[in-house]
C-alpha atoms as a PDB file:
ATOM      1  CA  UNK A   1      68.054  56.483 152.776  1.00  0.00           C
ATOM      2  CA  UNK A   2      70.220  58.233 150.210  1.00  0.00           C
ATOM      3  CA  UNK A   3      68.522  60.632 147.793  1.00  0.00           C
ATOM      4  CA  UNK A   4      70.033  61.413 144.408  1.00  0.00           C
ATOM      5  CA  UNK A   5      68.798  63.875 141.803  1.00  0.00           C
ATOM      6  CA  UNK A   6      69.975  63.715 138.201  1.00  0.00           C
ATOM      7  CA  UNK A   7      69.236  65.564 135.005  1.00  0.00           C
ATOM      8  CA  UNK A   8      67.160  63.548 132.590  1.00  0.00           C
ATOM      9  CA  UNK A   9      69.291  62.753 129.550  1.00  0.00           C
ATOM     10  CA  UNK A  10      67.776  59.574 128.095  1.00  0.00           C
ATOM     11  CA  UNK A  11      64.416  58.426 126.777  1.00  0.00           C
ATOM     12  CA  UNK A  12      64.371  55.756 129.482  1.00  0.00           C
ATOM     13  CA  UNK A  13      64.640  58.444 132.191  1.00  0.00           C
ATOM     14  CA  UNK A  14      61.968  60.516 130.440  1.00  0.00           C
ATOM     15  CA  UNK A  15      59.628  57.508 130.441  1.00  0.00           C
ATOM     16  CA  UNK A  16      60.233  57.088 134.197  1.00  0.00           C
ATOM     17  CA  UNK A  17      59.440  60.733 135.008  1.00  0.00           C
ATOM     18  CA  UNK A  18      56.335  60.650 132.827  1.00  0.00           C
ATOM     19  CA  UNK A  19      55.254  57.576 134.818  1.00  0.00           C
ATOM     20  CA  UNK A  20      55.751  59.479 138.086  1.00  0.00           C
ATOM     21  CA  UNK A  21      53.770  62.447 136.785  1.00  0.00           C
ATOM     22  CA  UNK A  22      51.018  60.099 135.572  1.00  0.00           C
ATOM     23  CA  UNK A  23      50.657  58.588 139.063  1.00  0.00           C
ATOM     24  CA  UNK A  24      50.831  61.885 140.972  1.00  0.00           C
ATOM     25  CA  UNK A  25      49.003  64.332 138.727  1.00  0.00           C
ATOM     26  CA  UNK A  26      46.719  62.314 136.436  1.00  0.00           C
ATOM     27  CA  UNK A  27      45.692  59.499 138.788  1.00  0.00           C
ATOM     28  CA  UNK A  28      46.059  60.943 142.302  1.00  0.00           C
ATOM     29  CA  UNK A  29      45.154  64.591 141.604  1.00  0.00           C
ATOM     30  CA  UNK A  30      42.863  63.888 138.622  1.00  0.00           C
ATOM     31  CA  UNK A  31      44.562  66.329 136.235  1.00  0.00           C
ATOM     32  CA  UNK A  32      43.580  65.634 132.641  1.00  0.00           C
ATOM     33  CA  UNK A  33      46.412  64.092 130.578  1.00  0.00           C
ATOM     34  CA  UNK A  34      45.979  66.821 127.955  1.00  0.00           C
ATOM     35  CA  UNK A  35      46.725  69.424 130.651  1.00  0.00           C
ATOM     36  CA  UNK A  36      49.606  67.509 132.215  1.00  0.00           C
ATOM     37  CA  UNK A  37      51.707  66.925 129.096  1.00  0.00           C
ATOM     38  CA  UNK A  38      52.430  69.994 127.009  1.00  0.00           C
ATOM     39  CA  UNK A  39      54.442  71.556 124.230  1.00  0.00           C
ATOM     40  CA  UNK A  40      57.263  72.402 126.658  1.00  0.00           C
ATOM     41  CA  UNK A  41      58.370  68.824 127.373  1.00  0.00           C
ATOM     42  CA  UNK A  42      61.220  69.007 124.831  1.00  0.00           C
ATOM     43  CA  UNK A  43      62.370  72.525 125.730  1.00  0.00           C
ATOM     44  CA  UNK A  44      62.417  71.957 129.517  1.00  0.00           C
ATOM     45  CA  UNK A  45      65.243  70.649 131.678  1.00  0.00           C
ATOM     46  CA  UNK A  46      63.878  67.631 133.576  1.00  0.00           C
ATOM     47  CA  UNK A  47      65.117  65.990 136.765  1.00  0.00           C
ATOM     48  CA  UNK A  48      64.664  62.536 138.274  1.00  0.00           C
ATOM     49  CA  UNK A  49      65.005  62.009 142.020  1.00  0.00           C
ATOM     50  CA  UNK A  50      65.720  58.575 143.424  1.00  0.00           C
ATOM     51  CA  UNK A  51      65.382  57.333 146.975  1.00  0.00           C
ATOM     52  CA  UNK A  52      67.527  54.268 147.685  1.00  0.00           C
ATOM     53  CA  UNK A  53      68.179  54.076 143.933  1.00  0.00           C
ATOM     54  CA  UNK A  54      64.429  53.786 143.237  1.00  0.00           C
ATOM     55  CA  UNK A  55      62.560  56.483 141.221  1.00  0.00           C
ATOM     56  CA  UNK A  56      60.790  58.780 143.667  1.00  0.00           C
ATOM     57  CA  UNK A  57      60.127  62.200 142.123  1.00  0.00           C
ATOM     58  CA  UNK A  58      60.574  64.647 139.295  1.00  0.00           C
ATOM     59  CA  UNK A  59      60.575  68.325 138.391  1.00  0.00           C
ATOM     60  CA  UNK A  60      61.441  70.533 135.442  1.00  0.00           C
ATOM     61  CA  UNK A  61      62.370  74.118 134.623  1.00  0.00           C
ATOM     62  CA  UNK A  62      62.249  76.260 131.500  1.00  0.00           C
ATOM     63  CA  UNK A  63      62.848  79.788 130.318  1.00  0.00           C
ATOM     64  CA  UNK A  64      59.769  81.930 129.635  1.00  0.00           C
ATOM     65  CA  UNK A  65      59.226  85.572 128.719  1.00  0.00           C
ATOM     66  CA  UNK A  66      58.649  86.211 132.471  1.00  0.00           C
ATOM     67  CA  UNK A  67      61.831  84.556 133.751  1.00  0.00           C
ATOM     68  CA  UNK A  68      62.494  80.936 134.664  1.00  0.00           C
ATOM     69  CA  UNK A  69      59.505  78.743 135.478  1.00  0.00           C
ATOM     70  CA  UNK A  70      59.864  75.795 137.835  1.00  0.00           C
ATOM     71  CA  UNK A  71      57.113  73.242 137.426  1.00  0.00           C
ATOM     72  CA  UNK A  72      55.874  69.672 137.509  1.00  0.00           C
ATOM     73  CA  UNK A  73      57.283  68.940 140.980  1.00  0.00           C
ATOM     74  CA  UNK A  74      55.938  65.489 141.824  1.00  0.00           C
ATOM     75  CA  UNK A  75      56.911  62.957 144.479  1.00  0.00           C
ATOM     76  CA  UNK A  76      55.327  59.516 144.614  1.00  0.00           C
ATOM     77  CA  UNK A  77      52.932  59.187 147.555  1.00  0.00           C
ATOM     78  CA  UNK A  78      54.921  56.421 149.267  1.00  0.00           C
ATOM     79  CA  UNK A  79      58.167  58.442 148.966  1.00  0.00           C
ATOM     80  CA  UNK A  80      56.874  61.681 150.523  1.00  0.00           C
ATOM     81  CA  UNK A  81      58.081  63.157 153.834  1.00  0.00           C
ATOM     82  CA  UNK A  82      61.558  61.697 153.243  1.00  0.00           C
ATOM     83  CA  UNK A  83      63.361  64.754 151.837  1.00  0.00           C
ATOM     84  CA  UNK A  84      62.816  64.015 148.141  1.00  0.00           C
ATOM     85  CA  UNK A  85      60.957  67.277 147.501  1.00  0.00           C
ATOM     86  CA  UNK A  86      63.694  69.317 149.198  1.00  0.00           C
ATOM     87  CA  UNK A  87      66.386  67.557 147.173  1.00  0.00           C
ATOM     88  CA  UNK A  88      64.470  68.301 143.958  1.00  0.00           C
ATOM     89  CA  UNK A  89      63.989  72.000 144.732  1.00  0.00           C
ATOM     90  CA  UNK A  90      67.670  72.370 145.648  1.00  0.00           C
ATOM     91  CA  UNK A  91      68.850  70.565 142.502  1.00  0.00           C
ATOM     92  CA  UNK A  92      66.597  72.627 140.226  1.00  0.00           C
ATOM     93  CA  UNK A  93      67.509  75.992 141.802  1.00  0.00           C
ATOM     94  CA  UNK A  94      71.223  75.081 141.805  1.00  0.00           C
ATOM     95  CA  UNK A  95      71.058  74.068 138.141  1.00  0.00           C
ATOM     96  CA  UNK A  96      69.334  77.310 137.148  1.00  0.00           C
ATOM     97  CA  UNK A  97      71.856  79.339 139.184  1.00  0.00           C
ATOM     98  CA  UNK A  98      74.699  77.577 137.329  1.00  0.00           C
ATOM     99  CA  UNK A  99      73.413  78.748 133.927  1.00  0.00           C
ATOM    100  CA  UNK A 100      75.458  81.646 132.528  1.00  0.00           C
ATOM    101  CA  UNK A 101      72.406  83.812 131.749  1.00  0.00           C
ATOM    102  CA  UNK A 102      70.483  83.244 134.994  1.00  0.00           C
ATOM    103  CA  UNK A 103      71.967  86.089 137.077  1.00  0.00           C
ATOM    104  CA  UNK A 104      69.229  88.503 138.125  1.00  0.00           C
ATOM    105  CA  UNK A 105      66.479  86.337 136.623  1.00  0.00           C
ATOM    106  CA  UNK A 106      63.149  85.823 138.342  1.00  0.00           C
ATOM    107  CA  UNK A 107      62.400  82.218 139.228  1.00  0.00           C
ATOM    108  CA  UNK A 108      58.698  81.534 139.616  1.00  0.00           C
ATOM    109  CA  UNK A 109      56.221  78.723 140.007  1.00  0.00           C
ATOM    110  CA  UNK A 110      52.559  78.010 140.490  1.00  0.00           C
ATOM    111  CA  UNK A 111      52.646  76.326 143.891  1.00  0.00           C
ATOM    112  CA  UNK A 112      49.968  74.052 145.250  1.00  0.00           C
ATOM    113  CA  UNK A 113      49.000  75.182 148.748  1.00  0.00           C
ATOM    114  CA  UNK A 114      50.446  72.196 150.592  1.00  0.00           C
ATOM    115  CA  UNK A 115      53.825  72.608 148.844  1.00  0.00           C
ATOM    116  CA  UNK A 116      54.243  76.305 149.650  1.00  0.00           C
ATOM    117  CA  UNK A 117      56.136  75.771 152.940  1.00  0.00           C
ATOM    118  CA  UNK A 118      58.708  73.666 151.073  1.00  0.00           C
ATOM    119  CA  UNK A 119      59.347  76.374 148.481  1.00  0.00           C
ATOM    120  CA  UNK A 120      59.434  79.066 151.175  1.00  0.00           C
ATOM    121  CA  UNK A 121      62.393  77.237 152.790  1.00  0.00           C
ATOM    122  CA  UNK A 122      64.363  78.122 149.664  1.00  0.00           C
ATOM    123  CA  UNK A 123      63.373  81.791 149.734  1.00  0.00           C
ATOM    124  CA  UNK A 124      60.378  81.745 147.396  1.00  0.00           C
ATOM    125  CA  UNK A 125      57.743  84.335 148.309  1.00  0.00           C
ATOM    126  CA  UNK A 126      53.995  84.231 147.682  1.00  0.00           C
ATOM    127  CA  UNK A 127      52.887  86.774 145.085  1.00  0.00           C
ATOM    128  CA  UNK A 128      49.360  87.771 144.089  1.00  0.00           C
ATOM    129  CA  UNK A 129      46.009  86.175 144.642  1.00  0.00           C
ATOM    130  CA  UNK A 130      44.946  82.576 145.101  1.00  0.00           C
ATOM    131  CA  UNK A 131      43.982  80.958 141.781  1.00  0.00           C
ATOM    132  CA  UNK A 132      42.807  77.643 140.442  1.00  0.00           C
ATOM    133  CA  UNK A 133      44.744  75.626 137.879  1.00  0.00           C
ATOM    134  CA  UNK A 134      43.587  72.150 136.825  1.00  0.00           C
ATOM    135  CA  UNK A 135      40.975  72.275 139.628  1.00  0.00           C
ATOM    136  CA  UNK A 136      43.750  72.690 142.239  1.00  0.00           C
ATOM    137  CA  UNK A 137      44.331  75.864 144.287  1.00  0.00           C
ATOM    138  CA  UNK A 138      47.692  77.614 143.775  1.00  0.00           C
ATOM    139  CA  UNK A 139      49.644  80.750 144.569  1.00  0.00           C
ATOM    140  CA  UNK A 140      52.375  82.145 142.394  1.00  0.00           C
ATOM    141  CA  UNK A 141      55.731  82.135 144.184  1.00  0.00           C
ATOM    142  CA  UNK A 142      58.889  83.996 143.134  1.00  0.00           C
ATOM    143  CA  UNK A 143      62.589  84.152 143.910  1.00  0.00           C
ATOM    144  CA  UNK A 144      65.227  86.381 142.332  1.00  0.00           C
ATOM    145  CA  UNK A 145      68.720  85.015 141.733  1.00  0.00           C
END
């Protein structure tokens, strides 16, 4: 099953990724819509992953005063365990690395516990204490380019 990951460039793609996030975060994980959608939607670089040409997952990244934050990694329940998450992490990290001002930057994320092994495969390291965000346990993870 071929997996493709593309940058979101159209409103139609944005609507698809918001639909994925709605299913994964708002419905499945019971995150409040006000917490899921934020003021960084327009300033983030979004990605859409497809499995067999069908929408399967999404992620985004953005610059912050602490480095580059990777966030909103979501894969539809029926598309999990098929490599979609790995393809998303690789595409996002590769895209950040390709930016002219990313050299030496800290990449970081707030990782849900069950996703930590995936991020660790790419060199992200757990930093700090366990914390709760949107009623879900997380650790901060970091990687330096």
